[in-house]
Amino acid sequence: MASKGWFNLEAAGGVIPETQFFEGDSAFKFLGLTRTQRLYGFIGCLVLGFVLSLLGSIFLFLGSLVSFAFLYGLGTVISLIGTGFLIGFAKQLKLMFKPVRVAATIIFLGSIALIFVGAFVIRSDVLCIIFVIIEYLAYAWYTLSYIPYARSAVLRVVGLSG
């Protein structure tokens, strides 16, 4: 029987009970991190990732594509690692590539790579901004997949659903 809650970690397959939210990853057993330490790890990564991404964005508008790509990309990856502290890295990867969110995951990760391509290979700030927008949209769609009916509600709001 699936438990009820706001966060739909299994999407169509039912919700992971809250007691399992912090359990599972052998990396945490090996490191001996408590739930509180894992929560601090999540918050720390989230804040650090946000600050690095924000700094990177400032560099983009100052015209330094290399600094932008490095800081923004690093910030995004650190923020993503932070989520692993909550549910475990193996479980995070498994959930990311479930059929309900695999497209959003691939677009999200691909856009991170394309930001580097836009900055280092093509050297186009306009393309970097486009890839950042695509990344945010993919991440939003990915995140909405964890909240029951959120994607349907968004589609109705923007008029794409009947």
N, C-alpha and C. Protein backbone atom coordinates (compact mmCIF):
# COMPACT_ATOMS: atom_id res chain seq x y z
N MET A 1 0.84 -1.18 0.00
CA MET A 1 0.00 0.00 0.00
C MET A 1 0.88 1.24 0.00
N ALA A 2 0.66 2.13 -0.93
CA ALA A 2 1.45 3.36 -1.03
C ALA A 2 1.01 4.35 0.03
N SER A 3 1.99 4.99 0.67
CA SER A 3 1.63 6.01 1.65
C SER A 3 1.29 7.30 0.93
N LYS A 4 0.56 8.16 1.62
CA LYS A 4 0.14 9.42 1.02
C LYS A 4 1.13 10.51 1.42
N GLY A 5 1.32 11.45 0.54
CA GLY A 5 2.23 12.56 0.84
C GLY A 5 2.40 13.45 -0.37
N TRP A 6 3.07 14.56 -0.16
CA TRP A 6 3.28 15.52 -1.24
C TRP A 6 4.34 15.07 -2.22
N PHE A 7 5.38 14.43 -1.75
CA PHE A 7 6.50 14.10 -2.61
C PHE A 7 6.37 12.71 -3.18
N ASN A 8 6.25 12.62 -4.47
CA ASN A 8 6.01 11.37 -5.17
C ASN A 8 7.33 10.84 -5.71
N LEU A 9 8.13 10.21 -4.87
CA LEU A 9 9.45 9.74 -5.27
C LEU A 9 9.39 8.59 -6.25
N GLU A 10 8.32 7.87 -6.28
CA GLU A 10 8.21 6.77 -7.23
C GLU A 10 7.29 7.12 -8.39
N ALA A 11 6.76 8.33 -8.40
CA ALA A 11 5.82 8.79 -9.45
C ALA A 11 4.63 7.87 -9.52
N ALA A 12 4.36 7.28 -10.67
CA ALA A 12 3.16 6.47 -10.86
C ALA A 12 3.18 5.20 -10.01
N GLY A 13 4.33 4.80 -9.54
CA GLY A 13 4.45 3.54 -8.80
C GLY A 13 4.19 3.66 -7.32
N GLY A 14 3.81 4.80 -6.80
CA GLY A 14 3.56 4.96 -5.39
C GLY A 14 4.62 5.83 -4.74
N VAL A 15 4.39 6.25 -3.53
CA VAL A 15 5.28 7.16 -2.84
C VAL A 15 6.17 6.38 -1.88
N ILE A 16 7.43 6.75 -1.82
CA ILE A 16 8.33 6.15 -0.85
C ILE A 16 7.98 6.72 0.52
N PRO A 17 7.74 5.87 1.52
CA PRO A 17 7.40 6.37 2.84
C PRO A 17 8.51 7.26 3.39
N GLU A 18 8.13 8.23 4.21
CA GLU A 18 9.09 9.19 4.76
C GLU A 18 10.20 8.50 5.54
N THR A 19 9.92 7.36 6.16
CA THR A 19 10.94 6.66 6.92
C THR A 19 12.06 6.15 6.03
N GLN A 20 11.79 5.97 4.73
CA GLN A 20 12.82 5.51 3.81
C GLN A 20 13.55 6.67 3.14
N PHE A 21 13.13 7.88 3.40
CA PHE A 21 13.69 9.03 2.69
C PHE A 21 15.18 9.16 2.92
N PHE A 22 15.65 8.92 4.14
CA PHE A 22 17.06 9.06 4.45
C PHE A 22 17.81 7.73 4.45
N GLU A 23 17.15 6.63 4.14
CA GLU A 23 17.78 5.33 4.25
C GLU A 23 18.31 4.84 2.93
N GLY A 24 19.21 3.86 3.01
CA GLY A 24 19.52 3.11 1.82
C GLY A 24 20.93 3.15 1.31
N ASP A 25 21.54 4.27 1.11
CA ASP A 25 22.79 4.32 0.36
C ASP A 25 23.95 3.83 1.22
N SER A 26 24.67 2.83 0.72
CA SER A 26 25.77 2.26 1.48
C SER A 26 26.90 3.26 1.69
N ALA A 27 27.00 4.28 0.84
CA ALA A 27 28.03 5.30 1.01
C ALA A 27 27.85 6.01 2.35
N PHE A 28 26.61 6.18 2.79
CA PHE A 28 26.39 6.86 4.05
C PHE A 28 26.68 5.93 5.22
N LYS A 29 26.42 4.66 5.06
CA LYS A 29 26.77 3.71 6.11
C LYS A 29 28.28 3.67 6.27
N PHE A 30 29.00 3.69 5.13
CA PHE A 30 30.45 3.67 5.14
C PHE A 30 31.01 4.93 5.81
N LEU A 31 30.42 6.07 5.51
CA LEU A 31 30.88 7.33 6.08
C LEU A 31 30.37 7.55 7.49
N GLY A 32 29.32 6.83 7.87
CA GLY A 32 28.76 6.96 9.20
C GLY A 32 28.06 8.28 9.45
N LEU A 33 27.44 8.85 8.42
CA LEU A 33 26.75 10.13 8.57
C LEU A 33 25.36 9.93 9.17
N THR A 34 25.01 10.76 10.13
CA THR A 34 23.68 10.73 10.72
C THR A 34 22.71 11.46 9.80
N ARG A 35 21.42 11.36 10.11
CA ARG A 35 20.42 12.09 9.33
C ARG A 35 20.68 13.60 9.39
N THR A 36 21.02 14.08 10.57
CA THR A 36 21.29 15.50 10.73
C THR A 36 22.48 15.93 9.89
N GLN A 37 23.55 15.13 9.90
CA GLN A 37 24.73 15.45 9.09
C GLN A 37 24.39 15.43 7.60
N ARG A 38 23.57 14.47 7.20
CA ARG A 38 23.16 14.40 5.80
C ARG A 38 22.31 15.61 5.42
N LEU A 39 21.44 16.06 6.32
CA LEU A 39 20.64 17.25 6.07
C LEU A 39 21.54 18.48 5.94
N TYR A 40 22.55 18.58 6.82
CA TYR A 40 23.52 19.67 6.71
C TYR A 40 24.29 19.59 5.39
N GLY A 41 24.63 18.39 4.97
CA GLY A 41 25.31 18.21 3.69
C GLY A 41 24.45 18.70 2.54
N PHE A 42 23.16 18.36 2.58
CA PHE A 42 22.22 18.82 1.56
C PHE A 42 22.14 20.34 1.54
N ILE A 43 21.91 20.94 2.70
CA ILE A 43 21.77 22.40 2.78
C ILE A 43 23.06 23.09 2.36
N GLY A 44 24.20 22.56 2.82
CA GLY A 44 25.49 23.14 2.45
C GLY A 44 25.73 23.11 0.96
N CYS A 45 25.45 21.96 0.34
CA CYS A 45 25.62 21.84 -1.11
C CYS A 45 24.65 22.75 -1.86
N LEU A 46 23.43 22.82 -1.37
CA LEU A 46 22.43 23.67 -2.02
C LEU A 46 22.85 25.14 -1.99
N VAL A 47 23.29 25.61 -0.82
CA VAL A 47 23.71 27.01 -0.68
C VAL A 47 24.97 27.28 -1.50
N LEU A 48 25.98 26.40 -1.38
CA LEU A 48 27.22 26.58 -2.13
C LEU A 48 26.96 26.55 -3.63
N GLY A 49 26.14 25.61 -4.07
CA GLY A 49 25.80 25.51 -5.48
C GLY A 49 25.10 26.76 -5.98
N PHE A 50 24.18 27.27 -5.18
CA PHE A 50 23.47 28.50 -5.56
C PHE A 50 24.43 29.68 -5.67
N VAL A 51 25.31 29.83 -4.68
CA VAL A 51 26.26 30.94 -4.68
C VAL A 51 27.19 30.86 -5.88
N LEU A 52 27.72 29.66 -6.17
CA LEU A 52 28.61 29.50 -7.32
C LEU A 52 27.88 29.78 -8.63
N SER A 53 26.66 29.29 -8.76
CA SER A 53 25.88 29.55 -9.97
C SER A 53 25.57 31.04 -10.12
N LEU A 54 25.25 31.69 -9.02
CA LEU A 54 24.99 33.13 -9.05
C LEU A 54 26.24 33.90 -9.46
N LEU A 55 27.38 33.54 -8.86
CA LEU A 55 28.64 34.19 -9.24
C LEU A 55 28.94 33.96 -10.72
N GLY A 56 28.72 32.73 -11.18
CA GLY A 56 28.93 32.43 -12.59
C GLY A 56 28.05 33.28 -13.48
N SER A 57 26.80 33.45 -13.08
CA SER A 57 25.88 34.28 -13.87
C SER A 57 26.35 35.73 -13.93
N ILE A 58 26.89 36.22 -12.84
CA ILE A 58 27.43 37.58 -12.83
C ILE A 58 28.58 37.69 -13.83
N PHE A 59 29.46 36.67 -13.84
CA PHE A 59 30.57 36.67 -14.80
C PHE A 59 30.09 36.63 -16.24
N LEU A 60 28.98 35.95 -16.48
CA LEU A 60 28.44 35.92 -17.84
C LEU A 60 28.09 37.33 -18.30
N PHE A 61 27.43 38.07 -17.43
CA PHE A 61 27.04 39.43 -17.80
C PHE A 61 28.21 40.40 -17.81
N LEU A 62 29.34 39.99 -17.20
CA LEU A 62 30.56 40.80 -17.28
C LEU A 62 31.39 40.42 -18.50
N GLY A 63 30.94 39.39 -19.23
CA GLY A 63 31.62 39.00 -20.47
C GLY A 63 32.68 37.93 -20.33
N SER A 64 32.79 37.29 -19.18
CA SER A 64 33.79 36.24 -18.98
C SER A 64 33.14 34.86 -19.09
N LEU A 65 33.11 34.33 -20.30
CA LEU A 65 32.44 33.04 -20.54
C LEU A 65 33.11 31.89 -19.81
N VAL A 66 34.44 31.89 -19.74
CA VAL A 66 35.16 30.80 -19.08
C VAL A 66 34.81 30.75 -17.60
N SER A 67 34.87 31.91 -16.93
CA SER A 67 34.51 31.96 -15.51
C SER A 67 33.05 31.57 -15.30
N PHE A 68 32.18 32.06 -16.19
CA PHE A 68 30.77 31.71 -16.10
C PHE A 68 30.58 30.20 -16.17
N ALA A 69 31.10 29.58 -17.23
CA ALA A 69 30.86 28.15 -17.44
C ALA A 69 31.41 27.33 -16.29
N PHE A 70 32.60 27.67 -15.82
CA PHE A 70 33.19 26.91 -14.72
C PHE A 70 32.36 27.03 -13.45
N LEU A 71 32.07 28.27 -13.04
CA LEU A 71 31.35 28.48 -11.78
C LEU A 71 29.90 28.02 -11.86
N TYR A 72 29.23 28.34 -12.95
CA TYR A 72 27.83 27.96 -13.08
C TYR A 72 27.69 26.44 -13.14
N GLY A 73 28.51 25.80 -13.96
CA GLY A 73 28.46 24.34 -14.07
C GLY A 73 28.80 23.66 -12.75
N LEU A 74 29.85 24.13 -12.08
CA LEU A 74 30.23 23.57 -10.79
C LEU A 74 29.11 23.76 -9.77
N GLY A 75 28.48 24.93 -9.78
CA GLY A 75 27.37 25.18 -8.86
C GLY A 75 26.20 24.25 -9.09
N THR A 76 25.89 24.01 -10.35
CA THR A 76 24.79 23.10 -10.67
C THR A 76 25.09 21.68 -10.21
N VAL A 77 26.31 21.23 -10.47
CA VAL A 77 26.70 19.87 -10.08
C VAL A 77 26.70 19.73 -8.56
N ILE A 78 27.22 20.71 -7.84
CA ILE A 78 27.24 20.66 -6.38
C ILE A 78 25.82 20.64 -5.82
N SER A 79 24.93 21.42 -6.40
CA SER A 79 23.52 21.40 -5.96
C SER A 79 22.90 20.02 -6.19
N LEU A 80 23.22 19.42 -7.31
CA LEU A 80 22.70 18.09 -7.62
C LEU A 80 23.25 17.05 -6.65
N ILE A 81 24.51 17.17 -6.29
CA ILE A 81 25.12 16.26 -5.31
C ILE A 81 24.42 16.40 -3.96
N GLY A 82 24.00 17.61 -3.63
CA GLY A 82 23.32 17.84 -2.36
C GLY A 82 22.09 16.98 -2.20
N THR A 83 21.35 16.78 -3.27
CA THR A 83 20.16 15.93 -3.20
C THR A 83 20.54 14.50 -2.84
N GLY A 84 21.71 14.07 -3.29
CA GLY A 84 22.18 12.73 -2.95
C GLY A 84 22.35 12.52 -1.45
N PHE A 85 22.65 13.59 -0.72
CA PHE A 85 22.77 13.48 0.73
C PHE A 85 21.44 13.11 1.36
N LEU A 86 20.33 13.53 0.77
CA LEU A 86 19.02 13.23 1.34
C LEU A 86 18.59 11.80 1.09
N ILE A 87 18.65 11.37 -0.16
CA ILE A 87 18.08 10.06 -0.50
C ILE A 87 19.13 9.03 -0.87
N GLY A 88 20.38 9.41 -0.90
CA GLY A 88 21.44 8.49 -1.30
C GLY A 88 21.70 8.63 -2.79
N PHE A 89 22.95 8.51 -3.15
CA PHE A 89 23.34 8.76 -4.54
C PHE A 89 22.82 7.68 -5.48
N ALA A 90 22.87 6.43 -5.06
CA ALA A 90 22.37 5.35 -5.93
C ALA A 90 20.87 5.49 -6.15
N LYS A 91 20.13 5.78 -5.08
CA LYS A 91 18.68 5.95 -5.21
C LYS A 91 18.36 7.17 -6.06
N GLN A 92 19.14 8.23 -5.91
CA GLN A 92 18.93 9.44 -6.71
C GLN A 92 19.08 9.12 -8.19
N LEU A 93 20.14 8.41 -8.56
CA LEU A 93 20.33 8.06 -9.97
C LEU A 93 19.20 7.18 -10.48
N LYS A 94 18.78 6.23 -9.65
CA LYS A 94 17.69 5.34 -10.05
C LYS A 94 16.41 6.14 -10.29
N LEU A 95 16.11 7.07 -9.40
CA LEU A 95 14.90 7.88 -9.54
C LEU A 95 14.99 8.85 -10.71
N MET A 96 16.19 9.37 -10.97
CA MET A 96 16.36 10.32 -12.08
C MET A 96 16.04 9.68 -13.43
N PHE A 97 16.34 8.39 -13.55
CA PHE A 97 16.18 7.75 -14.84
C PHE A 97 14.94 6.86 -14.92
N LYS A 98 13.99 7.08 -14.01
CA LYS A 98 12.69 6.42 -14.14
C LYS A 98 12.00 6.98 -15.39
N PRO A 99 11.17 6.17 -16.05
CA PRO A 99 10.53 6.62 -17.30
C PRO A 99 9.80 7.95 -17.19
N VAL A 100 9.22 8.25 -16.03
CA VAL A 100 8.43 9.47 -15.87
C VAL A 100 9.30 10.73 -15.95
N ARG A 101 10.60 10.61 -15.66
CA ARG A 101 11.44 11.80 -15.67
C ARG A 101 12.73 11.66 -16.47
N VAL A 102 12.87 10.59 -17.23
CA VAL A 102 14.12 10.37 -17.97
C VAL A 102 14.36 11.46 -19.02
N ALA A 103 13.34 11.91 -19.71
CA ALA A 103 13.52 12.95 -20.73
C ALA A 103 14.00 14.25 -20.09
N ALA A 104 13.37 14.64 -18.99
CA ALA A 104 13.77 15.87 -18.30
C ALA A 104 15.20 15.74 -17.78
N THR A 105 15.56 14.56 -17.28
CA THR A 105 16.91 14.33 -16.77
C THR A 105 17.94 14.47 -17.88
N ILE A 106 17.68 13.85 -19.02
CA ILE A 106 18.63 13.90 -20.13
C ILE A 106 18.77 15.33 -20.66
N ILE A 107 17.66 16.04 -20.77
CA ILE A 107 17.72 17.44 -21.24
C ILE A 107 18.47 18.30 -20.21
N PHE A 108 18.20 18.07 -18.94
CA PHE A 108 18.88 18.82 -17.87
C PHE A 108 20.38 18.60 -17.91
N LEU A 109 20.80 17.33 -17.91
CA LEU A 109 22.23 17.02 -17.92
C LEU A 109 22.88 17.46 -19.24
N GLY A 110 22.16 17.27 -20.34
CA GLY A 110 22.68 17.70 -21.64
C GLY A 110 22.88 19.20 -21.72
N SER A 111 21.96 19.95 -21.13
CA SER A 111 22.08 21.41 -21.17
C SER A 111 23.28 21.89 -20.35
N ILE A 112 23.60 21.18 -19.27
CA ILE A 112 24.80 21.52 -18.50
C ILE A 112 26.03 21.36 -19.39
N ALA A 113 26.10 20.24 -20.11
CA ALA A 113 27.22 20.01 -21.02
C ALA A 113 27.24 21.06 -22.13
N LEU A 114 26.08 21.42 -22.64
CA LEU A 114 26.02 22.40 -23.72
C LEU A 114 26.42 23.80 -23.26
N ILE A 115 26.24 24.10 -21.99
CA ILE A 115 26.73 25.38 -21.46
C ILE A 115 28.25 25.44 -21.62
N PHE A 116 28.93 24.34 -21.30
CA PHE A 116 30.39 24.29 -21.47
C PHE A 116 30.77 24.40 -22.94
N VAL A 117 30.03 23.72 -23.80
CA VAL A 117 30.30 23.80 -25.25
C VAL A 117 30.10 25.24 -25.73
N GLY A 118 29.01 25.86 -25.30
CA GLY A 118 28.74 27.23 -25.70
C GLY A 118 29.82 28.20 -25.23
N ALA A 119 30.38 27.95 -24.05
CA ALA A 119 31.39 28.85 -23.50
C ALA A 119 32.78 28.57 -24.04
N PHE A 120 33.19 27.30 -24.06
CA PHE A 120 34.57 26.96 -24.39
C PHE A 120 34.81 26.72 -25.88
N VAL A 121 33.83 26.15 -26.58
CA VAL A 121 34.03 25.79 -27.99
C VAL A 121 33.48 26.87 -28.91
N ILE A 122 32.20 27.19 -28.75
CA ILE A 122 31.55 28.15 -29.64
C ILE A 122 31.82 29.59 -29.19
N ARG A 123 32.03 29.78 -27.90
CA ARG A 123 32.29 31.10 -27.30
C ARG A 123 31.16 32.09 -27.58
N SER A 124 29.95 31.66 -27.26
CA SER A 124 28.77 32.49 -27.50
C SER A 124 27.99 32.69 -26.21
N ASP A 125 27.93 33.94 -25.75
CA ASP A 125 27.17 34.21 -24.53
C ASP A 125 25.68 34.04 -24.76
N VAL A 126 25.20 34.32 -25.96
CA VAL A 126 23.78 34.14 -26.27
C VAL A 126 23.40 32.66 -26.17
N LEU A 127 24.23 31.78 -26.73
CA LEU A 127 23.95 30.35 -26.62
C LEU A 127 24.00 29.89 -25.17
N CYS A 128 24.94 30.41 -24.40
CA CYS A 128 25.02 30.05 -22.98
C CYS A 128 23.73 30.42 -22.25
N ILE A 129 23.21 31.59 -22.52
CA ILE A 129 21.96 32.02 -21.88
C ILE A 129 20.81 31.11 -22.30
N ILE A 130 20.76 30.76 -23.58
CA ILE A 130 19.71 29.84 -24.07
C ILE A 130 19.82 28.50 -23.36
N PHE A 131 21.05 27.97 -23.21
CA PHE A 131 21.22 26.68 -22.55
C PHE A 131 20.89 26.76 -21.06
N VAL A 132 21.15 27.89 -20.43
CA VAL A 132 20.77 28.07 -19.02
C VAL A 132 19.25 28.05 -18.89
N ILE A 133 18.55 28.72 -19.79
CA ILE A 133 17.08 28.72 -19.76
C ILE A 133 16.54 27.31 -19.96
N ILE A 134 17.12 26.58 -20.93
CA ILE A 134 16.71 25.19 -21.17
C ILE A 134 16.97 24.35 -19.92
N GLU A 135 18.12 24.57 -19.29
CA GLU A 135 18.44 23.82 -18.07
C GLU A 135 17.41 24.07 -16.98
N TYR A 136 17.06 25.32 -16.75
CA TYR A 136 16.07 25.64 -15.72
C TYR A 136 14.70 25.05 -16.03
N LEU A 137 14.29 25.12 -17.28
CA LEU A 137 13.00 24.54 -17.65
C LEU A 137 13.00 23.02 -17.46
N ALA A 138 14.09 22.37 -17.87
CA ALA A 138 14.19 20.91 -17.70
C ALA A 138 14.22 20.55 -16.22
N TYR A 139 14.94 21.33 -15.42
CA TYR A 139 15.00 21.06 -13.98
C TYR A 139 13.64 21.27 -13.33
N ALA A 140 12.93 22.30 -13.75
CA ALA A 140 11.58 22.53 -13.20
C ALA A 140 10.67 21.36 -13.55
N TRP A 141 10.72 20.90 -14.80
CA TRP A 141 9.88 19.78 -15.23
C TRP A 141 10.27 18.50 -14.47
N TYR A 142 11.56 18.31 -14.28
CA TYR A 142 12.07 17.17 -13.50
C TYR A 142 11.54 17.24 -12.07
N THR A 143 11.65 18.40 -11.45
CA THR A 143 11.21 18.57 -10.06
C THR A 143 9.71 18.36 -9.92
N LEU A 144 8.94 18.86 -10.88
CA LEU A 144 7.48 18.69 -10.83
C LEU A 144 7.07 17.23 -10.88
N SER A 145 7.91 16.36 -11.43
CA SER A 145 7.56 14.94 -11.51
C SER A 145 7.50 14.28 -10.13
N TYR A 146 8.05 14.91 -9.12
CA TYR A 146 8.02 14.37 -7.76
C TYR A 146 6.76 14.79 -7.00
N ILE A 147 6.00 15.72 -7.54
CA ILE A 147 4.80 16.22 -6.87
C ILE A 147 3.58 15.74 -7.66
N PRO A 148 2.72 14.94 -7.02
CA PRO A 148 1.57 14.40 -7.75
C PRO A 148 0.74 15.48 -8.43
N TYR A 149 0.43 15.25 -9.67
CA TYR A 149 -0.43 16.10 -10.50
C TYR A 149 0.15 17.48 -10.80
N ALA A 150 1.38 17.76 -10.40
CA ALA A 150 1.96 19.09 -10.62
C ALA A 150 2.17 19.37 -12.10
N ARG A 151 2.65 18.38 -12.83
CA ARG A 151 2.87 18.58 -14.27
C ARG A 151 1.55 18.86 -14.98
N SER A 152 0.52 18.12 -14.63
CA SER A 152 -0.80 18.33 -15.24
C SER A 152 -1.32 19.73 -14.94
N ALA A 153 -1.13 20.17 -13.70
CA ALA A 153 -1.59 21.50 -13.31
C ALA A 153 -0.86 22.58 -14.10
N VAL A 154 0.45 22.43 -14.25
CA VAL A 154 1.22 23.42 -15.01
C VAL A 154 0.77 23.45 -16.46
N LEU A 155 0.55 22.29 -17.05
CA LEU A 155 0.08 22.24 -18.44
C LEU A 155 -1.27 22.92 -18.59
N ARG A 156 -2.16 22.73 -17.60
CA ARG A 156 -3.46 23.40 -17.65
C ARG A 156 -3.30 24.92 -17.53
N VAL A 157 -2.42 25.36 -16.65
CA VAL A 157 -2.23 26.79 -16.44
C VAL A 157 -1.71 27.47 -17.70
N VAL A 158 -0.79 26.83 -18.41
CA VAL A 158 -0.24 27.45 -19.62
C VAL A 158 -1.08 27.15 -20.86
N GLY A 159 -2.18 26.43 -20.67
CA GLY A 159 -3.11 26.19 -21.77
C GLY A 159 -2.70 25.09 -22.74
N LEU A 160 -1.86 24.17 -22.30
CA LEU A 160 -1.43 23.08 -23.18
C LEU A 160 -2.16 21.77 -22.91
N SER A 161 -3.12 21.80 -22.00
CA SER A 161 -3.88 20.59 -21.68
C SER A 161 -5.36 20.92 -21.73
N GLY A 162 -6.12 19.95 -22.20
CA GLY A 162 -7.56 20.18 -22.35
C GLY A 162 -8.38 19.92 -21.20
